Amino acid sequence: MITLKVEKENRELNQDYYDLIIRNIDIHSLECTCGRHDMVVHSYYSRNIKTESGVIKLDILRVKCKECGKTHAVLLSLIVPYQSVELEIQIQILKDEDVEKIMVNNEAIDEQEVYRIRKRFKTKYKKWMSLNKLSFLDDLVKLAFRDFKSNFMQIRKGCYNLI
């Protein structure tokens, strides 16, 4: 998996924003987990993401390394691999910001979803943030990639690159 570091910039995560970011990168220069920089477009797959305004469908780019043959999804850092809730929403839930409003605006995010997000945080990231004296104002995506080689709030292990 390849994660592109982006800032939300007061923009809503949607297909147009994803496509804009993808158009502005050189796909051939993306680094594979094998260390090579020779990617080609392989395919796309659809993924549903729960955002503040509802569930959106994104067509996610997959690239293939011409050297080793591995395929990688190209995600924005706003998307946590193997999770359906946008990272920014997860952080709002962890900070107890407008949780009821989030659930009202997006019926796909219910009390169980909020519970699971908080449990994931307590399982892996709460102690890490405390030991490193981090707050939600810090660049948690960059720091999580440095320390865990994965996105903030990501639980599933694997080979991931942050670009």
Protein backbone atom coordinates (compact mmCIF):
# COMPACT_ATOMS: atom_id res chain seq x y z
CA MET A 1 0.00 0.00 0.00
CA ILE A 2 1.23 3.49 -0.85
CA THR A 3 -0.07 6.43 1.15
CA LEU A 4 0.18 9.96 -0.19
CA LYS A 5 0.57 12.54 2.58
CA VAL A 6 -2.05 15.24 2.03
CA GLU A 7 -3.65 17.92 4.15
CA LYS A 8 -7.41 18.19 4.16
CA GLU A 9 -7.21 21.94 3.40
CA ASN A 10 -10.86 22.48 4.36
CA ARG A 11 -11.87 20.29 1.42
CA GLU A 12 -14.24 17.42 1.61
CA LEU A 13 -12.88 14.01 0.74
CA ASN A 14 -14.54 12.95 -2.51
CA GLN A 15 -13.67 11.44 -5.88
CA ASP A 16 -12.77 14.81 -7.42
CA TYR A 17 -10.28 15.57 -4.64
CA TYR A 18 -8.76 12.07 -4.85
CA ASP A 19 -8.45 12.36 -8.65
CA LEU A 20 -6.84 15.82 -8.35
CA ILE A 21 -4.14 14.47 -6.05
CA ILE A 22 -3.53 11.42 -8.27
CA ARG A 23 -3.28 13.61 -11.41
CA ASN A 24 -0.59 15.71 -9.73
CA ILE A 25 1.80 12.83 -8.98
CA ASP A 26 4.15 10.96 -11.27
CA ILE A 27 2.93 7.39 -10.91
CA HIS A 28 6.17 6.02 -12.35
CA SER A 29 8.16 7.65 -9.53
CA LEU A 30 6.15 6.06 -6.69
CA GLU A 31 8.33 3.79 -4.57
CA CYS A 32 7.44 0.13 -4.21
CA THR A 33 8.07 -1.65 -0.91
CA CYS A 34 10.89 -3.45 -2.77
CA GLY A 35 12.62 -0.07 -3.13
CA ARG A 36 12.17 0.39 -6.89
CA HIS A 37 10.50 3.32 -8.63
CA ASP A 38 8.92 1.73 -11.68
CA MET A 39 5.16 1.67 -11.22
CA VAL A 40 2.44 1.43 -13.84
CA VAL A 41 -1.34 1.75 -13.54
CA HIS A 42 -2.75 -1.69 -12.81
CA SER A 43 -6.46 -1.21 -12.03
CA TYR A 44 -9.01 0.55 -9.83
CA TYR A 45 -11.27 -0.74 -7.10
CA SER A 46 -14.25 0.84 -5.36
CA ARG A 47 -14.26 1.61 -1.68
CA ASN A 48 -16.85 3.21 0.60
CA ILE A 49 -15.63 5.80 3.10
CA LYS A 50 -17.69 7.28 5.92
CA THR A 51 -17.16 11.04 6.00
CA GLU A 52 -18.74 13.84 7.99
CA SER A 53 -21.42 14.32 5.34
CA GLY A 54 -22.18 10.66 4.65
CA VAL A 55 -20.85 7.59 2.90
CA ILE A 56 -18.96 8.27 -0.31
CA LYS A 57 -17.70 5.83 -2.92
CA LEU A 58 -14.13 6.26 -4.12
CA ASP A 59 -12.46 4.53 -7.05
CA ILE A 60 -8.98 3.80 -5.67
CA LEU A 61 -5.98 3.47 -8.00
CA ARG A 62 -3.89 0.30 -7.90
CA VAL A 63 -0.38 0.38 -9.31
CA LYS A 64 1.98 -2.47 -10.15
CA CYS A 65 5.75 -2.55 -9.77
CA LYS A 66 7.35 -3.56 -13.07
CA GLU A 67 10.34 -4.95 -11.15
CA CYS A 68 8.80 -7.28 -8.54
CA GLY A 69 5.18 -7.50 -9.73
CA LYS A 70 3.62 -6.39 -6.42
CA THR A 71 0.44 -4.35 -6.63
CA HIS A 72 -0.32 -1.46 -4.30
CA ALA A 73 -3.39 0.63 -3.61
CA VAL A 74 -2.64 4.36 -3.68
CA LEU A 75 -4.44 5.96 -0.74
CA LEU A 76 -4.53 9.48 0.62
CA SER A 77 -3.40 9.86 4.23
CA LEU A 78 -7.00 10.86 5.03
CA ILE A 79 -7.98 7.21 4.47
CA VAL A 80 -6.98 4.58 7.02
CA PRO A 81 -6.24 1.22 5.36
CA TYR A 82 -8.78 -1.51 6.13
CA GLN A 83 -11.12 0.95 7.87
CA SER A 84 -14.19 2.68 6.54
CA VAL A 85 -14.18 5.90 8.59
CA GLU A 86 -12.16 8.88 7.35
CA LEU A 87 -9.17 9.65 9.60
CA GLU A 88 -10.33 13.18 10.39
CA ILE A 89 -13.67 11.83 11.67
CA GLN A 90 -11.86 9.28 13.83
CA ILE A 91 -9.78 12.06 15.38
CA GLN A 92 -12.91 14.14 16.04
CA ILE A 93 -14.46 11.14 17.78
CA LEU A 94 -11.33 10.60 19.89
CA LYS A 95 -11.33 14.27 20.89
CA ASP A 96 -15.07 14.08 21.69
CA GLU A 97 -15.80 16.83 19.17
CA ASP A 98 -19.36 16.86 17.84
CA VAL A 99 -19.77 13.07 18.10
CA GLU A 100 -23.55 13.37 18.17
CA LYS A 101 -23.49 15.69 15.15
CA ILE A 102 -21.28 13.21 13.28
CA MET A 103 -23.75 10.39 14.00
CA VAL A 104 -26.73 12.56 12.98
CA ASN A 105 -25.07 13.63 9.70
CA ASN A 106 -23.95 10.11 8.85
CA GLU A 107 -26.25 7.33 9.99
CA ALA A 108 -23.59 4.78 8.98
CA ILE A 109 -21.56 5.97 11.99
CA ASP A 110 -23.35 4.68 15.05
CA GLU A 111 -22.47 4.16 18.71
CA GLN A 112 -20.82 0.81 17.91
CA GLU A 113 -18.57 2.46 15.33
CA VAL A 114 -17.61 5.16 17.85
CA TYR A 115 -16.87 2.44 20.43
CA ARG A 116 -14.64 0.51 17.98
CA ILE A 117 -12.69 3.64 17.05
CA ARG A 118 -12.06 4.47 20.71
CA LYS A 119 -11.08 0.86 21.44
CA ARG A 120 -8.55 0.80 18.55
CA PHE A 121 -7.06 4.02 19.89
CA LYS A 122 -6.73 2.66 23.43
CA THR A 123 -5.27 -0.62 22.14
CA LYS A 124 -2.34 0.87 20.25
CA TYR A 125 -2.13 4.64 20.05
CA LYS A 126 -3.09 6.15 23.42
CA LYS A 127 0.03 4.86 25.20
CA TRP A 128 2.24 5.74 22.21
CA MET A 129 0.95 9.32 22.21
CA SER A 130 1.38 9.60 25.98
CA LEU A 131 4.94 8.21 26.01
CA ASN A 132 5.96 10.52 23.16
CA LYS A 133 4.10 13.53 24.61
CA LEU A 134 2.05 13.88 21.44
CA SER A 135 -1.26 15.65 20.96
CA PHE A 136 -3.81 15.68 18.16
CA LEU A 137 -2.12 18.87 16.93
CA ASP A 138 1.00 16.89 15.98
CA ASP A 139 1.49 15.30 12.56
CA LEU A 140 0.27 11.89 13.71
CA VAL A 141 0.29 10.39 10.21
CA LYS A 142 3.99 11.17 9.70
CA LEU A 143 4.92 10.08 13.23
CA ALA A 144 2.93 6.83 13.01
CA PHE A 145 4.68 5.96 9.73
CA ARG A 146 8.02 6.70 11.41
CA ASP A 147 7.30 4.52 14.43
CA PHE A 148 4.92 1.85 13.11
CA LYS A 149 5.39 1.96 9.31
CA SER A 150 1.63 2.47 8.99
CA ASN A 151 -1.00 5.21 9.12
CA PHE A 152 -2.29 6.64 12.39
CA MET A 153 -5.18 4.51 13.74
CA GLN A 154 -4.23 1.61 11.44
CA ILE A 155 -4.18 -1.74 13.21
CA ARG A 156 -3.52 -4.26 10.43
CA LYS A 157 0.18 -4.80 9.73
CA GLY A 158 1.82 -4.92 6.32
CA CYS A 159 4.29 -3.13 4.07
CA TYR A 160 3.32 0.49 3.55
CA ASN A 161 5.05 3.55 2.13
CA LEU A 162 4.30 7.18 2.95
CA ILE A 163 5.05 9.63 0.15
